[in-house]
Structure formats: C-alpha cells, structure tokens
Amino acid sequence: MTVEEMSLKMEQFLRDCSHLQWRKNRDYHPDGVAMLEILTTAFETGITVEQDLWARTRKQTSALRRFVIDGHVESESPESRMTDIAVYMSMMAFWVGNKKEILEDAHFWVQRHRSCERPMLPTGNPTDPCHGPNNLCDRCAFIVWLADQVLTC
C-alpha cells in the first residue's frame, strides 16, 4: 500500500467521523444550541466542559485499550470507539477555539427561551431572573453560572 492510499483511507475515516457528528449533533443538541447539554452537565455537576469531554473520551479510550492490550472487544467495535474519540476531540477543539461565543450564545438562548421557575408574581416577566440572589431557581442559577463563565474567558 502506498502513502497516497494510506492518506485516502485516513481521509475516509475522518469523513466518516464528520458524518457521524452531523447525525449525532442533532440528537445531542435538541435545542439547536451548541454545547448546551454539556454546559448544563458541567453546571449541574461542578466540572468543566473540558472535564466532561475528557470523561467521554476516557470511556472510549478505556474500551479501546482493552482491545489493543487484551484483544478483547466490548459492545462496540474498535472502529466505533476510534470514531467517537475523534468526534470528542473535534468537539474539544471547537470548544477551545470558540469558548466565549459558545457561552454567550447559550446564555442568551437560556435567558430568552427558558422561564424562571419562580417569577415575581403577579406582574413578573417569566424571562426575568429570580428575585433574591441567595435562592435562585435552577434556570436562573444556570444563567448566573454562564455569565460567570463568560467573564472568566
């Protein structure tokens, strides 16, 4: 096999990875907002987006390690594991290169599309934050967290 043939096969693998991410991104981002589910997980669990993506990658590399070291295949093929790892690495690259914009867009979207769980009644606007910083609902606490993340970029 020539280097050119090798490069073509590697390119096909990367194309397959891209096809997978196009298909899965619709499932994993149902609101159409980039990284919103991962941001929510990071907020709820007290980890960073990088740690979330690393945990997802680590799960796949652990299974791939079993294949490489022990010759054992779990529920998914090694090719599937490699594809998932490549997709997670591309998500990490996307996050690192666009962090502030991702956070700003998520902040704006949550503010506009999710209602406060405890709006001021009876005239309160459901998109306004909770009244009182010590007892925020989950939606408003997430908005504050997102704003803090933007400030630290």
N, C-alpha and C. Protein backbone atom coordinates (compact mmCIF):
# COMPACT_ATOMS: atom_id res chain seq x y z
N MET A 1 0.85 -1.17 0.00
CA MET A 1 0.00 0.00 0.00
C MET A 1 0.90 1.24 0.00
N THR A 2 0.52 2.20 -0.79
CA THR A 2 1.31 3.43 -0.88
C THR A 2 0.87 4.43 0.19
N VAL A 3 1.70 5.45 0.38
CA VAL A 3 1.36 6.52 1.31
C VAL A 3 0.09 7.23 0.82
N GLU A 4 -0.05 7.39 -0.47
CA GLU A 4 -1.24 8.03 -1.02
C GLU A 4 -2.50 7.22 -0.69
N GLU A 5 -2.42 5.90 -0.83
CA GLU A 5 -3.56 5.04 -0.48
C GLU A 5 -3.87 5.13 1.01
N MET A 6 -2.82 5.17 1.81
CA MET A 6 -3.00 5.31 3.25
C MET A 6 -3.71 6.63 3.56
N SER A 7 -3.25 7.70 2.93
CA SER A 7 -3.87 9.01 3.17
C SER A 7 -5.33 9.03 2.76
N LEU A 8 -5.65 8.37 1.67
CA LEU A 8 -7.05 8.30 1.23
C LEU A 8 -7.91 7.55 2.24
N LYS A 9 -7.39 6.46 2.78
CA LYS A 9 -8.15 5.69 3.77
C LYS A 9 -8.30 6.49 5.07
N MET A 10 -7.26 7.21 5.45
CA MET A 10 -7.36 8.06 6.64
C MET A 10 -8.37 9.18 6.42
N GLU A 11 -8.36 9.75 5.24
CA GLU A 11 -9.32 10.79 4.90
C GLU A 11 -10.75 10.26 4.96
N GLN A 12 -10.95 9.03 4.49
CA GLN A 12 -12.28 8.43 4.55
C GLN A 12 -12.73 8.23 6.00
N PHE A 13 -11.81 7.80 6.85
CA PHE A 13 -12.13 7.66 8.28
C PHE A 13 -12.60 9.01 8.85
N LEU A 14 -11.88 10.07 8.54
CA LEU A 14 -12.25 11.39 9.04
C LEU A 14 -13.58 11.86 8.45
N ARG A 15 -13.85 11.53 7.20
CA ARG A 15 -15.15 11.84 6.60
C ARG A 15 -16.26 11.09 7.33
N ASP A 16 -16.01 9.83 7.66
CA ASP A 16 -17.00 9.04 8.41
C ASP A 16 -17.25 9.65 9.78
N CYS A 17 -16.18 10.14 10.41
CA CYS A 17 -16.33 10.81 11.71
C CYS A 17 -17.20 12.06 11.56
N SER A 18 -16.95 12.81 10.51
CA SER A 18 -17.73 14.03 10.28
C SER A 18 -19.20 13.69 10.03
N HIS A 19 -19.44 12.65 9.27
CA HIS A 19 -20.82 12.23 9.02
C HIS A 19 -21.52 11.87 10.33
N LEU A 20 -20.81 11.16 11.20
CA LEU A 20 -21.38 10.77 12.49
C LEU A 20 -21.70 12.00 13.33
N GLN A 21 -20.79 12.96 13.39
CA GLN A 21 -21.05 14.13 14.24
C GLN A 21 -22.22 14.94 13.70
N TRP A 22 -22.40 15.01 12.39
CA TRP A 22 -23.56 15.71 11.85
C TRP A 22 -24.86 15.03 12.30
N ARG A 23 -24.84 13.70 12.28
CA ARG A 23 -26.04 12.95 12.66
C ARG A 23 -26.29 13.05 14.17
N LYS A 24 -25.25 12.84 14.97
CA LYS A 24 -25.43 12.82 16.42
C LYS A 24 -25.65 14.19 17.02
N ASN A 25 -25.08 15.24 16.42
CA ASN A 25 -25.25 16.58 16.99
C ASN A 25 -26.71 16.98 17.07
N ARG A 26 -27.51 16.54 16.13
CA ARG A 26 -28.95 16.85 16.19
C ARG A 26 -29.59 16.17 17.40
N ASP A 27 -29.14 14.96 17.72
CA ASP A 27 -29.68 14.24 18.87
C ASP A 27 -29.18 14.83 20.18
N TYR A 28 -27.89 15.17 20.22
CA TYR A 28 -27.27 15.62 21.46
C TYR A 28 -27.48 17.10 21.76
N HIS A 29 -27.98 17.84 20.80
CA HIS A 29 -28.24 19.26 20.99
C HIS A 29 -29.66 19.56 20.49
N PRO A 30 -30.66 19.03 21.20
CA PRO A 30 -32.04 19.12 20.72
C PRO A 30 -32.57 20.54 20.58
N ASP A 31 -32.02 21.48 21.33
CA ASP A 31 -32.49 22.86 21.23
C ASP A 31 -31.79 23.63 20.12
N GLY A 32 -30.83 22.98 19.47
CA GLY A 32 -30.10 23.65 18.38
C GLY A 32 -29.03 24.61 18.86
N VAL A 33 -28.68 24.54 20.14
CA VAL A 33 -27.69 25.44 20.73
C VAL A 33 -26.42 24.62 20.98
N ALA A 34 -25.32 25.07 20.38
CA ALA A 34 -24.06 24.34 20.51
C ALA A 34 -23.64 24.17 21.96
N MET A 35 -23.35 22.95 22.34
CA MET A 35 -22.78 22.59 23.63
C MET A 35 -23.71 22.81 24.83
N LEU A 36 -24.97 23.13 24.61
CA LEU A 36 -25.86 23.45 25.73
C LEU A 36 -26.01 22.29 26.70
N GLU A 37 -26.13 21.07 26.19
CA GLU A 37 -26.28 19.92 27.09
C GLU A 37 -25.01 19.69 27.91
N ILE A 38 -23.85 19.85 27.29
CA ILE A 38 -22.59 19.68 28.01
C ILE A 38 -22.41 20.81 29.03
N LEU A 39 -22.78 22.02 28.66
CA LEU A 39 -22.72 23.14 29.62
C LEU A 39 -23.64 22.87 30.81
N THR A 40 -24.82 22.36 30.54
CA THR A 40 -25.75 22.04 31.62
C THR A 40 -25.16 20.99 32.55
N THR A 41 -24.57 19.95 31.97
CA THR A 41 -23.94 18.91 32.78
C THR A 41 -22.80 19.47 33.61
N ALA A 42 -21.98 20.32 33.01
CA ALA A 42 -20.86 20.93 33.74
C ALA A 42 -21.37 21.76 34.91
N PHE A 43 -22.41 22.54 34.66
CA PHE A 43 -23.01 23.35 35.73
C PHE A 43 -23.57 22.48 36.84
N GLU A 44 -24.35 21.47 36.47
CA GLU A 44 -25.02 20.63 37.47
C GLU A 44 -24.05 19.79 38.29
N THR A 45 -22.93 19.42 37.71
CA THR A 45 -22.00 18.52 38.41
C THR A 45 -20.77 19.21 38.95
N GLY A 46 -20.59 20.49 38.64
CA GLY A 46 -19.44 21.22 39.15
C GLY A 46 -18.13 20.86 38.47
N ILE A 47 -18.20 20.42 37.22
CA ILE A 47 -16.99 20.13 36.47
C ILE A 47 -16.88 21.12 35.31
N THR A 48 -15.75 21.10 34.64
CA THR A 48 -15.58 21.96 33.48
C THR A 48 -16.05 21.23 32.23
N VAL A 49 -16.27 21.99 31.18
CA VAL A 49 -16.61 21.39 29.88
C VAL A 49 -15.48 20.47 29.43
N GLU A 50 -14.25 20.92 29.64
CA GLU A 50 -13.10 20.10 29.27
C GLU A 50 -13.12 18.76 30.02
N GLN A 51 -13.46 18.79 31.30
CA GLN A 51 -13.52 17.55 32.08
C GLN A 51 -14.65 16.65 31.60
N ASP A 52 -15.78 17.23 31.23
CA ASP A 52 -16.88 16.44 30.69
C ASP A 52 -16.44 15.74 29.40
N LEU A 53 -15.84 16.49 28.50
CA LEU A 53 -15.39 15.91 27.24
C LEU A 53 -14.29 14.88 27.47
N TRP A 54 -13.42 15.14 28.44
CA TRP A 54 -12.37 14.17 28.74
C TRP A 54 -12.99 12.88 29.28
N ALA A 55 -13.99 12.97 30.12
CA ALA A 55 -14.64 11.77 30.67
C ALA A 55 -15.26 10.95 29.54
N ARG A 56 -15.88 11.62 28.59
CA ARG A 56 -16.47 10.91 27.45
C ARG A 56 -15.38 10.22 26.62
N THR A 57 -14.29 10.94 26.41
CA THR A 57 -13.16 10.38 25.66
C THR A 57 -12.53 9.22 26.43
N ARG A 58 -12.37 9.40 27.72
CA ARG A 58 -11.74 8.37 28.56
C ARG A 58 -12.51 7.06 28.53
N LYS A 59 -13.83 7.15 28.53
CA LYS A 59 -14.66 5.94 28.45
C LYS A 59 -14.33 5.16 27.18
N GLN A 60 -14.21 5.88 26.09
CA GLN A 60 -13.92 5.22 24.81
C GLN A 60 -12.47 4.69 24.77
N THR A 61 -11.53 5.47 25.30
CA THR A 61 -10.14 5.01 25.28
C THR A 61 -9.94 3.81 26.19
N SER A 62 -10.68 3.73 27.29
CA SER A 62 -10.58 2.56 28.17
C SER A 62 -11.02 1.30 27.44
N ALA A 63 -12.12 1.41 26.71
CA ALA A 63 -12.59 0.25 25.94
C ALA A 63 -11.62 -0.07 24.81
N LEU A 64 -11.08 0.95 24.17
CA LEU A 64 -10.12 0.73 23.09
C LEU A 64 -8.83 0.11 23.62
N ARG A 65 -8.43 0.51 24.82
CA ARG A 65 -7.25 -0.07 25.45
C ARG A 65 -7.43 -1.58 25.66
N ARG A 66 -8.62 -1.98 26.07
CA ARG A 66 -8.88 -3.42 26.25
C ARG A 66 -8.68 -4.17 24.95
N PHE A 67 -9.07 -3.55 23.84
CA PHE A 67 -8.87 -4.17 22.53
C PHE A 67 -7.37 -4.22 22.19
N VAL A 68 -6.68 -3.12 22.37
CA VAL A 68 -5.27 -3.03 22.00
C VAL A 68 -4.40 -3.92 22.88
N ILE A 69 -4.59 -3.90 24.17
CA ILE A 69 -3.74 -4.64 25.11
C ILE A 69 -4.19 -6.09 25.27
N ASP A 70 -5.49 -6.32 25.43
CA ASP A 70 -6.00 -7.65 25.74
C ASP A 70 -6.65 -8.36 24.55
N GLY A 71 -6.84 -7.63 23.46
CA GLY A 71 -7.51 -8.23 22.31
C GLY A 71 -8.99 -8.48 22.53
N HIS A 72 -9.56 -7.81 23.50
CA HIS A 72 -10.96 -8.01 23.88
C HIS A 72 -11.82 -6.87 23.34
N VAL A 73 -12.93 -7.20 22.68
CA VAL A 73 -13.86 -6.21 22.16
C VAL A 73 -15.13 -6.26 23.01
N GLU A 74 -15.52 -5.09 23.49
CA GLU A 74 -16.75 -5.00 24.29
C GLU A 74 -17.95 -4.89 23.35
N SER A 75 -18.88 -4.04 23.68
CA SER A 75 -20.14 -3.94 22.95
C SER A 75 -20.02 -3.22 21.61
N GLU A 76 -19.00 -2.41 21.44
CA GLU A 76 -18.81 -1.67 20.19
C GLU A 76 -17.49 -2.05 19.55
N SER A 77 -17.42 -1.92 18.25
CA SER A 77 -16.19 -2.26 17.53
C SER A 77 -15.09 -1.24 17.84
N PRO A 78 -13.83 -1.65 17.68
CA PRO A 78 -12.73 -0.69 17.86
C PRO A 78 -12.88 0.52 16.93
N GLU A 79 -13.35 0.30 15.72
CA GLU A 79 -13.54 1.41 14.77
C GLU A 79 -14.56 2.41 15.31
N SER A 80 -15.63 1.91 15.92
CA SER A 80 -16.63 2.78 16.51
C SER A 80 -16.04 3.60 17.65
N ARG A 81 -15.22 2.97 18.47
CA ARG A 81 -14.56 3.68 19.59
C ARG A 81 -13.63 4.76 19.06
N MET A 82 -12.86 4.43 18.02
CA MET A 82 -11.94 5.41 17.43
C MET A 82 -12.70 6.59 16.83
N THR A 83 -13.82 6.31 16.21
CA THR A 83 -14.65 7.36 15.64
C THR A 83 -15.17 8.28 16.74
N ASP A 84 -15.68 7.69 17.82
CA ASP A 84 -16.19 8.50 18.93
C ASP A 84 -15.08 9.37 19.52
N ILE A 85 -13.89 8.82 19.68
CA ILE A 85 -12.76 9.58 20.22
C ILE A 85 -12.44 10.77 19.30
N ALA A 86 -12.40 10.51 18.00
CA ALA A 86 -12.12 11.59 17.05
C ALA A 86 -13.18 12.68 17.12
N VAL A 87 -14.44 12.29 17.25
CA VAL A 87 -15.52 13.26 17.35
C VAL A 87 -15.39 14.07 18.64
N TYR A 88 -15.10 13.41 19.76
CA TYR A 88 -14.93 14.14 21.02
C TYR A 88 -13.74 15.09 20.95
N MET A 89 -12.68 14.69 20.28
CA MET A 89 -11.53 15.58 20.13
C MET A 89 -11.88 16.78 19.26
N SER A 90 -12.71 16.57 18.25
CA SER A 90 -13.12 17.71 17.43
C SER A 90 -14.04 18.63 18.23
N MET A 91 -14.86 18.07 19.11
CA MET A 91 -15.68 18.90 19.99
C MET A 91 -14.81 19.70 20.95
N MET A 92 -13.74 19.07 21.46
CA MET A 92 -12.81 19.77 22.36
C MET A 92 -12.14 20.92 21.60
N ALA A 93 -11.72 20.66 20.37
CA ALA A 93 -11.09 21.72 19.57
C ALA A 93 -12.08 22.86 19.30
N PHE A 94 -13.33 22.50 19.01
CA PHE A 94 -14.37 23.50 18.81
C PHE A 94 -14.57 24.33 20.07
N TRP A 95 -14.64 23.68 21.22
CA TRP A 95 -14.82 24.37 22.50
C TRP A 95 -13.66 25.31 22.78
N VAL A 96 -12.44 24.80 22.66
CA VAL A 96 -11.25 25.62 22.96
C VAL A 96 -11.18 26.84 22.02
N GLY A 97 -11.53 26.66 20.77
CA GLY A 97 -11.44 27.75 19.81
C GLY A 97 -12.60 28.73 19.83
N ASN A 98 -13.71 28.37 20.48
CA ASN A 98 -14.92 29.20 20.41
C ASN A 98 -15.62 29.37 21.75
N LYS A 99 -14.90 29.16 22.82
CA LYS A 99 -15.49 29.10 24.16
C LYS A 99 -16.36 30.31 24.50
N LYS A 100 -15.85 31.50 24.30
CA LYS A 100 -16.60 32.69 24.70
C LYS A 100 -17.90 32.82 23.90
N GLU A 101 -17.84 32.63 22.60
CA GLU A 101 -19.04 32.72 21.76
C GLU A 101 -20.06 31.65 22.13
N ILE A 102 -19.59 30.44 22.41
CA ILE A 102 -20.48 29.34 22.81
C ILE A 102 -21.21 29.72 24.10
N LEU A 103 -20.46 30.22 25.08
CA LEU A 103 -21.04 30.60 26.36
C LEU A 103 -22.03 31.77 26.21
N GLU A 104 -21.66 32.77 25.42
CA GLU A 104 -22.54 33.92 25.21
C GLU A 104 -23.84 33.49 24.53
N ASP A 105 -23.71 32.65 23.50
CA ASP A 105 -24.91 32.19 22.79
C ASP A 105 -25.81 31.35 23.69
N ALA A 106 -25.21 30.47 24.50
CA ALA A 106 -26.00 29.65 25.43
C ALA A 106 -26.70 30.55 26.46
N HIS A 107 -25.97 31.52 27.00
CA HIS A 107 -26.53 32.45 27.98
C HIS A 107 -27.73 33.19 27.38
N PHE A 108 -27.56 33.73 26.20
CA PHE A 108 -28.64 34.46 25.53
C PHE A 108 -29.84 33.54 25.29
N TRP A 109 -29.58 32.33 24.80
CA TRP A 109 -30.68 31.42 24.48
C TRP A 109 -31.46 31.03 25.74
N VAL A 110 -30.76 30.65 26.80
CA VAL A 110 -31.43 30.23 28.04
C VAL A 110 -32.25 31.40 28.60
N GLN A 111 -31.65 32.59 28.56
CA GLN A 111 -32.37 33.77 29.06
C GLN A 111 -33.66 34.01 28.30
N ARG A 112 -33.65 33.80 27.00
CA ARG A 112 -34.80 34.11 26.15
C ARG A 112 -35.82 32.97 26.03
N HIS A 113 -35.38 31.73 26.20
CA HIS A 113 -36.25 30.59 25.88
C HIS A 113 -36.65 29.73 27.08
N ARG A 114 -36.05 29.94 28.21
CA ARG A 114 -36.45 29.18 29.40
C ARG A 114 -36.98 30.17 30.43
N SER A 115 -38.05 29.78 31.07
CA SER A 115 -38.68 30.66 32.05
C SER A 115 -38.14 30.42 33.44
N CYS A 116 -38.10 31.50 34.20
CA CYS A 116 -37.75 31.41 35.62
C CYS A 116 -38.79 30.51 36.30
N GLU A 117 -38.31 29.69 37.20
CA GLU A 117 -39.21 28.78 37.91
C GLU A 117 -39.94 29.49 39.04
N ARG A 118 -39.49 30.69 39.40
CA ARG A 118 -40.12 31.46 40.48
C ARG A 118 -40.22 32.94 40.09
N PRO A 119 -40.96 33.27 39.03
CA PRO A 119 -41.05 34.67 38.64
C PRO A 119 -41.80 35.48 39.69
N MET A 120 -41.47 36.74 39.74
CA MET A 120 -42.16 37.64 40.66
C MET A 120 -43.63 37.71 40.24
N LEU A 121 -44.52 37.46 41.13
CA LEU A 121 -45.95 37.44 40.81
C LEU A 121 -46.63 38.68 41.36
N PRO A 122 -47.72 39.15 40.80
CA PRO A 122 -48.38 38.63 39.62
C PRO A 122 -47.89 39.28 38.33
N THR A 123 -47.05 40.29 38.40
CA THR A 123 -46.68 41.02 37.18
C THR A 123 -45.29 40.64 36.67
N GLY A 124 -44.69 39.62 37.23
CA GLY A 124 -43.33 39.27 36.83
C GLY A 124 -43.22 38.76 35.41
N ASN A 125 -42.12 39.07 34.78
CA ASN A 125 -41.82 38.58 33.44
C ASN A 125 -41.12 37.23 33.58
N PRO A 126 -41.62 36.16 32.98
CA PRO A 126 -41.02 34.83 33.18
C PRO A 126 -39.58 34.70 32.66
N THR A 127 -39.13 35.68 31.86
CA THR A 127 -37.73 35.60 31.42
C THR A 127 -36.80 36.41 32.34
N ASP A 128 -37.35 37.12 33.33
CA ASP A 128 -36.53 37.82 34.31
C ASP A 128 -35.97 36.81 35.32
N PRO A 129 -34.82 37.11 35.91
CA PRO A 129 -34.27 36.17 36.89
C PRO A 129 -35.04 36.21 38.21
N CYS A 130 -34.81 35.18 39.01
CA CYS A 130 -35.41 35.13 40.34
C CYS A 130 -35.06 36.41 41.10
N HIS A 131 -35.89 36.72 42.03
CA HIS A 131 -35.64 37.91 42.84
C HIS A 131 -35.02 37.48 44.16
N GLY A 132 -33.76 37.82 44.33
CA GLY A 132 -33.01 37.43 45.51
C GLY A 132 -31.89 36.49 45.14
N PRO A 133 -30.64 36.90 45.30
CA PRO A 133 -29.51 36.11 44.84
C PRO A 133 -29.23 34.85 45.65
N ASN A 134 -29.80 34.72 46.83
CA ASN A 134 -29.49 33.58 47.69
C ASN A 134 -30.35 32.36 47.43
N ASN A 135 -31.41 32.52 46.65
CA ASN A 135 -32.33 31.41 46.47
C ASN A 135 -32.79 31.34 45.01
N LEU A 136 -31.84 31.16 44.09
CA LEU A 136 -32.17 31.13 42.67
C LEU A 136 -32.72 29.77 42.26
N CYS A 137 -33.65 29.78 41.33
CA CYS A 137 -34.12 28.53 40.74
C CYS A 137 -32.99 27.97 39.86
N ASP A 138 -33.14 26.73 39.39
CA ASP A 138 -32.09 26.10 38.58
C ASP A 138 -31.81 26.88 37.30
N ARG A 139 -32.85 27.36 36.65
CA ARG A 139 -32.67 28.12 35.40
C ARG A 139 -31.88 29.38 35.65
N CYS A 140 -32.23 30.13 36.67
CA CYS A 140 -31.55 31.39 36.95
C CYS A 140 -30.13 31.18 37.46
N ALA A 141 -29.93 30.13 38.26
CA ALA A 141 -28.58 29.80 38.72
C ALA A 141 -27.70 29.43 37.53
N PHE A 142 -28.26 28.73 36.55
CA PHE A 142 -27.52 28.37 35.34
C PHE A 142 -27.14 29.63 34.56
N ILE A 143 -28.06 30.59 34.46
CA ILE A 143 -27.77 31.85 33.76
C ILE A 143 -26.62 32.59 34.45
N VAL A 144 -26.65 32.64 35.77
CA VAL A 144 -25.57 33.30 36.52
C VAL A 144 -24.26 32.56 36.27
N TRP A 145 -24.29 31.23 36.30
CA TRP A 145 -23.08 30.44 36.05
C TRP A 145 -22.53 30.71 34.65
N LEU A 146 -23.41 30.72 33.66
CA LEU A 146 -22.97 31.00 32.29
C LEU A 146 -22.33 32.39 32.19
N ALA A 147 -22.95 33.38 32.82
CA ALA A 147 -22.40 34.74 32.81
C ALA A 147 -21.02 34.77 33.46
N ASP A 148 -20.86 34.06 34.57
CA ASP A 148 -19.56 33.98 35.24
C ASP A 148 -18.51 33.32 34.35
N GLN A 149 -18.93 32.29 33.62
CA GLN A 149 -18.02 31.59 32.71
C GLN A 149 -17.56 32.53 31.59
N VAL A 150 -18.48 33.35 31.07
CA VAL A 150 -18.13 34.31 30.03
C VAL A 150 -17.08 35.29 30.56
N LEU A 151 -17.27 35.75 31.78
CA LEU A 151 -16.35 36.73 32.37
C LEU A 151 -14.95 36.17 32.57
N THR A 152 -14.85 34.86 32.77
CA THR A 152 -13.53 34.26 33.02
C THR A 152 -12.84 33.75 31.77
N CYS A 153 -13.47 33.96 30.61
CA CYS A 153 -12.83 33.52 29.34
C CYS A 153 -11.63 34.37 29.02
